């Protein structure tokens, strides 16, 4: 009994001496910093969470993406349900005021009904009062036009630009609206070359003089001039033509300018394409859309143009198009946030066919959610969800559309599975 007590008292005294000989750690460092071991084995104590997030940095791509999304769209603090999911593109360059009254006409709404009062277009009705902006789709007036401002248009997804004609003569309108090209801002100048390149437009080059020199060289060749001189003349003419073409492209291929398709090089992005030499631009006018000149055919009067849908079709060389992409490409990523904003735009609700009565829709009627084991069809009975009801283009009836070279991709081809 006495020996056991002596052994325990000896162990306690040794441990007390060991603790007294070791230096006492400071309370502040022991609370904030983790303990480290001088042995070869790593310390088993984990670091604090504060130390982990202080040392870690997010990836540069993540931060740039977050910054870009905040700069492109405006979101709101969700103090009401209607603005919780509201997302609008940031457009500081838009003019906040009203349009030019002279270039607008009243828009009389009919709620999607015809002259007999029957609904011919569903989901239309109501909405805010609007005025129609008169857009110049032809761009026939030559000369410099100054962009006064970029405006919002409730009748389309793209923005419009107000132009002032500096060279307007008597009887010619000084003001006009056009579809704004992406990157066009107030103070820029645009020009229309639809009626041809004006004389003296390129400094030091005259197309008439070039043609007369070519004719003169041809007549000399018939008279018996040496072959070397003819080759030299042809080489000089070719170099002059290539130089003139390069100068012409550098001066005319600017966003917002209008050119005939024969003067637009292959690969150029275009919009507002006309299908008649003197007709208005009717293709590729929606927000963010663009077409592209694919190529020219030797000895043909057509140009191959790829449209936004992917369709490649032939267009006459004398038809005109605008250089660049249509403005407001962020329009498709907007979020209205609530149903009331749809009503402000004049769009009424869309009701599902299964929720209707049997006399209103082929999917209507029945007890519960039943479609009666039918294929999905529209309210008029033809197949929906991709069912082909016609065959346009080369696959369709003979001479149905001779201008289409390649149809737009559909189904598996559109999804990249074909």
Protein backbone atom coordinates (compact mmCIF):
# COMPACT_ATOMS: atom_id res chain seq x y z
CA UNK A 1 0.00 0.00 0.00
CA UNK A 2 2.77 2.43 0.95
CA UNK A 3 4.83 1.46 -2.11
CA UNK A 4 1.90 2.21 -4.46
CA UNK A 5 1.41 5.63 -2.93
CA UNK A 6 5.12 6.41 -3.33
CA UNK A 7 5.02 5.39 -7.04
CA UNK A 8 1.98 7.62 -7.80
CA UNK A 9 3.45 10.63 -5.94
CA UNK A 10 6.72 10.25 -7.92
CA UNK A 11 4.85 10.26 -11.27
CA UNK A 12 2.89 13.37 -10.32
CA UNK A 13 6.04 15.26 -9.31
CA UNK A 14 7.77 14.34 -12.60
CA UNK A 15 4.82 15.61 -14.66
CA UNK A 16 4.68 18.86 -12.64
CA UNK A 17 8.38 19.47 -13.23
CA UNK A 18 7.88 18.84 -16.98
CA UNK A 19 5.09 21.45 -17.26
CA UNK A 20 7.04 24.03 -15.24
CA UNK A 21 10.15 23.65 -17.42
CA UNK A 22 8.19 24.12 -20.73
CA UNK A 23 7.45 27.78 -21.81
CA UNK A 24 3.86 28.95 -21.35
CA UNK A 25 2.08 29.83 -24.64
CA UNK A 26 0.41 33.22 -25.00
CA UNK A 27 -3.35 33.18 -24.76
CA UNK A 28 -3.91 35.33 -27.86
CA UNK A 29 -1.75 33.14 -30.15
CA UNK A 30 -3.18 29.92 -28.78
CA UNK A 31 -6.72 31.08 -29.49
CA UNK A 32 -6.11 32.35 -33.05
CA UNK A 33 -3.36 30.16 -34.51
CA UNK A 34 -3.39 26.38 -34.86
CA UNK A 35 -0.80 24.28 -33.00
CA UNK A 36 2.14 22.99 -35.03
CA UNK A 37 4.32 19.98 -34.41
CA UNK A 38 8.14 19.95 -34.77
CA UNK A 39 8.16 16.21 -35.44
CA UNK A 40 8.25 14.70 -38.93
CA UNK A 41 4.57 13.77 -38.73
CA UNK A 42 2.03 16.44 -39.80
CA UNK A 43 -0.14 18.07 -37.17
CA UNK A 44 -3.48 16.43 -36.66
CA UNK A 45 -5.23 19.66 -35.67
CA UNK A 46 -7.24 21.27 -38.52
CA UNK A 47 -7.07 24.96 -39.42
CA UNK A 48 -9.94 27.31 -38.73
CA UNK A 49 -12.56 28.10 -41.35
CA UNK A 50 -11.60 31.77 -41.36
CA UNK A 51 -8.06 30.91 -42.42
CA UNK A 52 -9.38 28.76 -45.29
CA UNK A 53 -11.64 31.33 -46.93
CA UNK A 54 -9.15 34.15 -46.42
CA UNK A 55 -6.46 32.33 -48.38
CA UNK A 56 -8.74 30.97 -51.11
CA UNK A 57 -9.46 33.09 -54.23
CA UNK A 58 -12.18 32.43 -56.82
CA UNK A 59 -11.18 31.66 -60.37
CA UNK A 60 -10.74 34.58 -62.75
CA UNK A 61 -13.30 33.15 -65.18
CA UNK A 62 -15.95 33.02 -62.45
CA UNK A 63 -15.36 36.60 -61.35
CA UNK A 64 -15.36 37.87 -64.93
CA UNK A 65 -18.60 36.02 -65.67
CA UNK A 66 -20.29 37.47 -62.60
CA UNK A 67 -19.11 40.96 -63.46
CA UNK A 68 -20.27 40.60 -67.03
CA UNK A 69 -23.73 39.44 -66.03
CA UNK A 70 -24.08 42.38 -63.65
CA UNK A 71 -23.01 44.80 -66.36
CA UNK A 72 -25.29 43.42 -69.07
CA UNK A 73 -28.54 43.00 -67.13
CA UNK A 74 -30.35 44.93 -64.46
CA UNK A 75 -31.95 42.98 -61.63
CA UNK A 76 -33.91 44.21 -58.63
CA UNK A 77 -34.07 43.51 -54.93
CA UNK A 78 -37.08 41.16 -54.51
CA UNK A 79 -39.22 43.34 -52.29
CA UNK A 80 -42.29 42.30 -54.34
CA UNK A 81 -43.03 39.05 -56.22
CA UNK A 82 -43.33 40.91 -59.52
CA UNK A 83 -39.70 42.02 -59.58
CA UNK A 84 -38.10 38.92 -58.06
CA UNK A 85 -37.31 37.40 -61.46
CA UNK A 86 -37.41 40.63 -63.47
CA UNK A 87 -34.32 40.99 -65.64
CA UNK A 88 -33.78 43.75 -68.17
CA UNK A 89 -30.81 44.46 -70.46
CA UNK A 90 -28.84 47.55 -69.53
CA UNK A 91 -29.22 50.01 -72.41
CA UNK A 92 -27.78 53.36 -71.33
CA UNK A 93 -27.48 54.57 -74.93
CA UNK A 94 -31.27 54.54 -75.53
CA UNK A 95 -33.04 57.88 -75.79
CA UNK A 96 -35.49 58.15 -72.84
CA UNK A 97 -37.93 60.57 -74.47
CA UNK A 98 -40.80 60.25 -76.94
CA UNK A 99 -40.39 59.57 -80.68
CA UNK A 100 -40.50 62.17 -83.42
CA UNK A 101 -44.21 62.83 -83.89
CA UNK A 102 -43.90 63.48 -87.64
CA UNK A 103 -42.63 59.93 -88.22
CA UNK A 104 -45.41 58.14 -86.28
CA UNK A 105 -49.02 57.23 -86.98
CA UNK A 106 -51.77 56.03 -84.64
CA UNK A 107 -52.07 52.29 -84.04
CA UNK A 108 -55.71 51.18 -83.99
CA UNK A 109 -56.06 47.87 -82.19
CA UNK A 110 -58.59 45.21 -83.17
CA UNK A 111 -57.93 42.51 -80.57
CA UNK A 112 -57.08 39.90 -83.21
CA UNK A 113 -60.54 40.13 -84.83
CA UNK A 114 -61.45 40.57 -88.50
CA UNK A 115 -64.16 42.78 -90.05
CA UNK A 116 -66.90 40.37 -88.99
CA UNK A 117 -65.77 40.31 -85.35
CA UNK A 118 -64.37 36.78 -85.33
CA UNK A 119 -61.03 36.05 -83.65
CA UNK A 120 -58.53 35.18 -86.38
CA UNK A 121 -55.36 35.68 -84.27
CA UNK A 122 -55.50 34.32 -80.75
CA UNK A 123 -53.84 35.76 -77.63
CA UNK A 124 -54.21 39.39 -78.73
CA UNK A 125 -55.93 42.21 -76.91
CA UNK A 126 -55.51 45.07 -74.47
CA UNK A 127 -52.13 46.56 -73.79
CA UNK A 128 -50.73 50.04 -73.57
CA UNK A 129 -51.49 52.64 -76.22
CA UNK A 130 -48.83 52.60 -78.95
CA UNK A 131 -47.90 54.51 -82.08
CA UNK A 132 -46.43 52.99 -85.23
CA UNK A 133 -43.00 54.28 -86.21
CA UNK A 134 -42.56 54.80 -89.97
CA UNK A 135 -39.39 52.89 -90.83
CA UNK A 136 -37.41 53.53 -94.03
CA UNK A 137 -36.74 50.01 -95.30
CA UNK A 138 -35.69 51.08 -98.81
CA UNK A 139 -32.89 53.59 -97.96
CA UNK A 140 -32.96 55.15 -101.43
CA UNK A 141 -31.64 58.59 -100.44
CA UNK A 142 -27.85 58.89 -101.02
CA UNK A 143 -25.48 61.08 -99.05
CA UNK A 144 -24.40 61.27 -95.43
CA UNK A 145 -27.01 60.74 -92.73
CA UNK A 146 -26.19 61.54 -89.12
CA UNK A 147 -27.47 59.31 -86.32
CA UNK A 148 -29.25 61.65 -83.90
CA UNK A 149 -30.29 59.03 -81.32
CA UNK A 150 -31.15 55.37 -80.75
CA UNK A 151 -34.76 54.78 -79.66
CA UNK A 152 -36.98 52.02 -78.30
CA UNK A 153 -39.76 50.77 -80.56
CA UNK A 154 -42.69 48.89 -78.95
CA UNK A 155 -43.64 47.31 -82.29
CA UNK A 156 -40.42 45.31 -82.75
CA UNK A 157 -37.66 43.66 -80.76
CA UNK A 158 -34.85 45.65 -82.40
CA UNK A 159 -34.02 49.28 -81.69
CA UNK A 160 -34.44 52.05 -84.25
CA UNK A 161 -32.17 54.95 -85.16
CA UNK A 162 -33.29 58.49 -85.97
CA UNK A 163 -31.35 59.86 -88.97
CA UNK A 164 -30.87 63.44 -90.14
CA UNK A 165 -30.11 63.93 -93.83
CA UNK A 166 -27.39 66.57 -94.11
CA UNK A 167 -27.75 66.87 -97.90
CA UNK A 168 -31.56 66.98 -97.99
CA UNK A 169 -32.87 69.05 -100.90
CA UNK A 170 -36.30 70.57 -101.29
CA UNK A 171 -38.98 67.91 -101.33
CA UNK A 172 -36.72 65.32 -99.62
CA UNK A 173 -37.41 64.28 -96.05
CA UNK A 174 -34.74 65.39 -93.59
CA UNK A 175 -35.69 62.92 -90.87
CA UNK A 176 -36.11 59.15 -91.09
CA UNK A 177 -36.12 56.03 -88.94
CA UNK A 178 -34.10 52.90 -89.76
CA UNK A 179 -33.47 49.56 -88.06
CA UNK A 180 -30.47 50.20 -85.82
CA UNK A 181 -27.37 48.09 -86.39
CA UNK A 182 -25.44 46.71 -83.44
CA UNK A 183 -22.82 49.24 -82.32
CA UNK A 184 -24.53 52.25 -83.91
CA UNK A 185 -24.53 55.26 -81.55
CA UNK A 186 -25.59 58.90 -81.60
CA UNK A 187 -23.15 61.00 -83.60
CA UNK A 188 -22.22 58.28 -86.11
CA UNK A 189 -22.81 58.72 -89.83
CA UNK A 190 -24.29 56.18 -92.23
CA UNK A 191 -24.66 56.23 -95.99
CA UNK A 192 -26.72 54.45 -98.64
CA UNK A 193 -25.07 53.29 -101.87
CA UNK A 194 -28.17 51.63 -103.23
CA UNK A 195 -28.21 53.89 -106.31
CA UNK A 196 -24.54 53.17 -107.01
CA UNK A 197 -21.17 54.60 -106.05
CA UNK A 198 -21.14 58.38 -106.63
CA UNK A 199 -18.50 59.91 -108.88
CA UNK A 200 -15.38 61.05 -107.11
CA UNK A 201 -16.20 59.04 -103.99
CA UNK A 202 -12.78 57.36 -104.03
CA UNK A 203 -9.96 59.97 -104.18
CA UNK A 204 -7.80 59.67 -107.28
CA UNK A 205 -10.00 57.11 -108.99
CA UNK A 206 -12.57 57.60 -111.72
CA UNK A 207 -14.43 54.59 -113.06
CA UNK A 208 -15.17 56.38 -116.37
CA UNK A 209 -11.50 57.10 -116.96
CA UNK A 210 -10.64 53.50 -116.19
CA UNK A 211 -13.13 52.16 -118.71
CA UNK A 212 -11.99 54.64 -121.38
CA UNK A 213 -8.35 53.61 -120.92
CA UNK A 214 -9.34 49.97 -121.22
CA UNK A 215 -11.20 50.69 -124.45
CA UNK A 216 -8.23 52.67 -125.79
CA UNK A 217 -5.83 49.83 -125.05
CA UNK A 218 -8.14 47.39 -126.80
CA UNK A 219 -8.28 49.57 -129.94
CA UNK A 220 -4.48 49.90 -129.96
CA UNK A 221 -4.17 46.16 -129.73
CA UNK A 222 -6.30 45.79 -132.83
CA UNK A 223 -4.03 48.27 -134.62
CA UNK A 224 -1.00 46.04 -134.06
CA UNK A 225 0.62 47.20 -130.81
CA UNK A 226 3.18 44.85 -129.31
CA UNK A 227 1.94 42.04 -127.10
CA UNK A 228 4.18 43.13 -124.22
CA UNK A 229 2.52 46.54 -124.07
CA UNK A 230 -0.91 44.92 -124.02
CA UNK A 231 0.11 42.68 -121.12
CA UNK A 232 1.53 45.67 -119.27
CA UNK A 233 -1.68 47.62 -119.80
CA UNK A 234 -3.79 44.70 -118.58
CA UNK A 235 -1.59 44.26 -115.49
CA UNK A 236 -1.85 47.98 -114.71
CA UNK A 237 -5.62 47.89 -115.13
CA UNK A 238 -5.93 44.84 -112.89
CA UNK A 239 -3.80 46.44 -110.18
CA UNK A 240 -5.79 49.68 -110.43
CA UNK A 241 -9.07 47.78 -110.18
CA UNK A 242 -7.90 45.79 -107.15
CA UNK A 243 -6.66 48.97 -105.46
CA UNK A 244 -9.93 50.74 -106.21
CA UNK A 245 -11.90 47.76 -104.89
CA UNK A 246 -9.88 47.75 -101.67
CA UNK A 247 -10.44 51.47 -101.16
CA UNK A 248 -14.12 51.06 -101.95
CA UNK A 249 -14.55 48.31 -99.37
CA UNK A 250 -12.67 50.22 -96.68
CA UNK A 251 -14.88 53.27 -97.20
CA UNK A 252 -18.24 51.57 -97.63
CA UNK A 253 -18.20 48.41 -95.45
CA UNK A 254 -19.27 50.10 -92.21
CA UNK A 255 -22.14 49.12 -89.88
CA UNK A 256 -25.36 50.80 -90.97
CA UNK A 257 -24.36 51.42 -94.58
CA UNK A 258 -26.52 50.01 -97.40
CA UNK A 259 -24.88 48.36 -100.41
CA UNK A 260 -25.96 46.21 -103.35
CA UNK A 261 -25.06 42.56 -102.81
CA UNK A 262 -22.68 42.61 -105.80
CA UNK A 263 -20.43 45.06 -103.90
CA UNK A 264 -20.43 43.08 -100.62
CA UNK A 265 -17.56 40.54 -100.30
CA UNK A 266 -18.10 36.95 -99.21
CA UNK A 267 -18.27 36.35 -95.46
CA UNK A 268 -19.71 39.79 -94.63
CA UNK A 269 -22.44 39.91 -91.97
CA UNK A 270 -25.58 41.64 -93.25
CA UNK A 271 -29.19 42.36 -92.26
CA UNK A 272 -32.40 43.88 -93.67
CA UNK A 273 -32.06 42.07 -97.00
CA UNK A 274 -34.37 42.94 -99.89
CA UNK A 275 -35.62 40.38 -102.44
CA UNK A 276 -36.28 42.92 -105.23
CA UNK A 277 -33.78 45.42 -106.65
CA UNK A 278 -36.03 48.36 -105.76
CA UNK A 279 -37.97 46.72 -102.93
CA UNK A 280 -37.79 47.17 -99.15
CA UNK A 281 -35.62 45.09 -96.85
CA UNK A 282 -37.80 42.26 -95.56
CA UNK A 283 -35.40 39.53 -94.34
CA UNK A 284 -33.32 39.47 -91.13
CA UNK A 285 -34.83 42.37 -89.18
CA UNK A 286 -35.38 40.91 -85.68
CA UNK A 287 -33.17 41.75 -82.69
CA UNK A 288 -29.71 40.19 -82.75
CA UNK A 289 -30.20 38.40 -86.09
CA UNK A 290 -27.83 38.48 -89.05
CA UNK A 291 -27.29 36.91 -92.45
CA UNK A 292 -24.06 36.21 -94.29
CA UNK A 293 -22.94 36.42 -97.90
CA UNK A 294 -21.78 32.89 -98.75
CA UNK A 295 -20.46 33.32 -102.28
CA UNK A 296 -20.96 34.30 -105.89
CA UNK A 297 -21.59 32.14 -108.94
CA UNK A 298 -19.62 32.79 -112.14
CA UNK A 299 -21.84 34.20 -114.83
CA UNK A 300 -24.91 34.17 -112.59
CA UNK A 301 -27.10 37.06 -111.52
CA UNK A 302 -27.60 35.62 -108.03
CA UNK A 303 -25.68 35.72 -104.75
CA UNK A 304 -25.85 32.93 -102.16
CA UNK A 305 -26.92 34.25 -98.74
CA UNK A 306 -27.21 32.30 -95.48
CA UNK A 307 -30.13 33.48 -93.34
CA UNK A 308 -30.49 33.39 -89.57
CA UNK A 309 -32.41 30.11 -89.66
CA UNK A 310 -29.56 28.39 -91.50
CA UNK A 311 -31.30 28.38 -94.87
CA UNK A 312 -29.11 29.21 -97.87
CA UNK A 313 -30.95 30.88 -100.73
CA UNK A 314 -30.22 32.80 -103.92
CA UNK A 315 -30.80 36.56 -103.99
CA UNK A 316 -30.40 38.89 -106.96
CA UNK A 317 -27.08 40.76 -107.10
CA UNK A 318 -28.85 44.09 -107.50
CA UNK A 319 -30.76 43.63 -104.23
CA UNK A 320 -29.50 45.63 -101.27
CA UNK A 321 -28.61 44.81 -97.68
CA UNK A 322 -27.36 46.65 -94.59
CA UNK A 323 -23.90 45.92 -93.22
CA UNK A 324 -23.72 44.52 -89.68
CA UNK A 325 -25.92 42.71 -87.16
CA UNK A 326 -29.29 43.91 -85.90
CA UNK A 327 -29.18 45.73 -82.55
CA UNK A 328 -30.42 44.60 -79.12
CA UNK A 329 -29.00 41.03 -79.09
CA UNK A 330 -29.76 40.66 -75.34
CA UNK A 331 -33.49 40.90 -75.94
CA UNK A 332 -33.97 37.12 -75.98
CA UNK A 333 -32.52 36.74 -72.46
CA UNK A 334 -34.88 39.19 -70.78
CA UNK A 335 -37.39 38.06 -68.15
CA UNK A 336 -40.65 39.98 -67.77
CA UNK A 337 -41.09 38.79 -64.19
CA UNK A 338 -44.89 38.72 -64.04
CA UNK A 339 -47.95 38.13 -66.19
CA UNK A 340 -49.01 41.77 -66.04
CA UNK A 341 -46.10 42.89 -68.21
CA UNK A 342 -47.30 40.51 -70.91
CA UNK A 343 -50.72 42.17 -70.72
CA UNK A 344 -49.11 45.61 -71.01
CA UNK A 345 -47.61 44.43 -74.29
CA UNK A 346 -51.03 43.38 -75.59
CA UNK A 347 -50.53 39.60 -75.18
CA UNK A 348 -53.37 37.62 -73.62
CA UNK A 349 -52.96 34.27 -71.81
CA UNK A 350 -52.50 30.95 -73.62
CA UNK A 351 -54.78 28.18 -72.32
CA UNK A 352 -53.81 24.50 -72.59
CA UNK A 353 -55.99 22.30 -74.74
CA UNK A 354 -56.42 19.74 -71.95
CA UNK A 355 -57.95 22.44 -69.77
CA UNK A 356 -60.67 23.23 -72.34
CA UNK A 357 -64.00 21.61 -73.08
CA UNK A 358 -64.37 18.99 -75.77
CA UNK A 359 -66.03 21.42 -78.17
CA UNK A 360 -63.15 23.93 -77.87
CA UNK A 361 -60.10 21.72 -78.49
CA UNK A 362 -59.31 18.15 -79.63
CA UNK A 363 -57.56 17.57 -76.27
CA UNK A 364 -60.49 18.93 -74.25
CA UNK A 365 -63.11 17.14 -72.22
CA UNK A 366 -62.86 13.89 -70.28
CA UNK A 367 -62.51 13.14 -66.61
CA UNK A 368 -59.25 14.33 -65.16
CA UNK A 369 -56.08 14.85 -67.18
CA UNK A 370 -56.83 12.62 -70.17
CA UNK A 371 -55.83 13.15 -73.79
CA UNK A 372 -57.87 10.13 -75.00
CA UNK A 373 -54.67 8.46 -76.26
CA UNK A 374 -54.34 10.92 -79.16
CA UNK A 375 -51.29 12.37 -80.82
CA UNK A 376 -50.74 16.03 -79.88
CA UNK A 377 -52.55 18.29 -82.31
CA UNK A 378 -53.32 21.98 -82.55
CA UNK A 379 -56.70 23.56 -82.00
CA UNK A 380 -57.39 23.13 -85.75
CA UNK A 381 -56.51 19.44 -85.75
CA UNK A 382 -53.18 19.28 -87.60
CA UNK A 383 -50.22 17.62 -85.91
CA UNK A 384 -48.04 19.75 -83.70
CA UNK A 385 -44.61 19.21 -82.13
CA UNK A 386 -42.65 18.91 -85.35
CA UNK A 387 -45.09 17.19 -87.70
CA UNK A 388 -44.39 18.30 -91.27
CA UNK A 389 -47.45 19.67 -93.02
CA UNK A 390 -45.74 20.93 -96.18
CA UNK A 391 -42.52 20.36 -98.13
CA UNK A 392 -40.98 23.63 -99.23
CA UNK A 393 -37.75 24.06 -101.14
CA UNK A 394 -35.92 21.39 -103.14
CA UNK A 395 -37.67 18.50 -101.35
CA UNK A 396 -41.11 19.85 -102.12
CA UNK A 397 -43.20 20.05 -105.27
CA UNK A 398 -41.47 20.97 -108.52
CA UNK A 399 -40.67 24.69 -108.81
CA UNK A 400 -42.15 25.38 -105.35
CA UNK A 401 -39.19 27.54 -104.34
CA UNK A 402 -36.35 27.56 -106.84
CA UNK A 403 -34.38 30.15 -104.87
CA UNK A 404 -33.65 27.85 -101.90
CA UNK A 405 -30.28 26.12 -102.21
CA UNK A 406 -30.30 24.38 -98.83
CA UNK A 407 -33.19 24.18 -96.39
CA UNK A 408 -32.89 25.26 -92.80
CA UNK A 409 -31.90 22.44 -90.41
CA UNK A 410 -34.78 20.65 -88.74
CA UNK A 411 -35.12 17.93 -86.11
CA UNK A 412 -31.97 15.85 -85.61
CA UNK A 413 -30.00 17.99 -88.01
CA UNK A 414 -30.81 21.10 -85.99
CA UNK A 415 -29.80 19.40 -82.74
CA UNK A 416 -26.52 18.23 -84.29
CA UNK A 417 -27.40 14.53 -84.10
CA UNK A 418 -27.57 13.85 -87.84
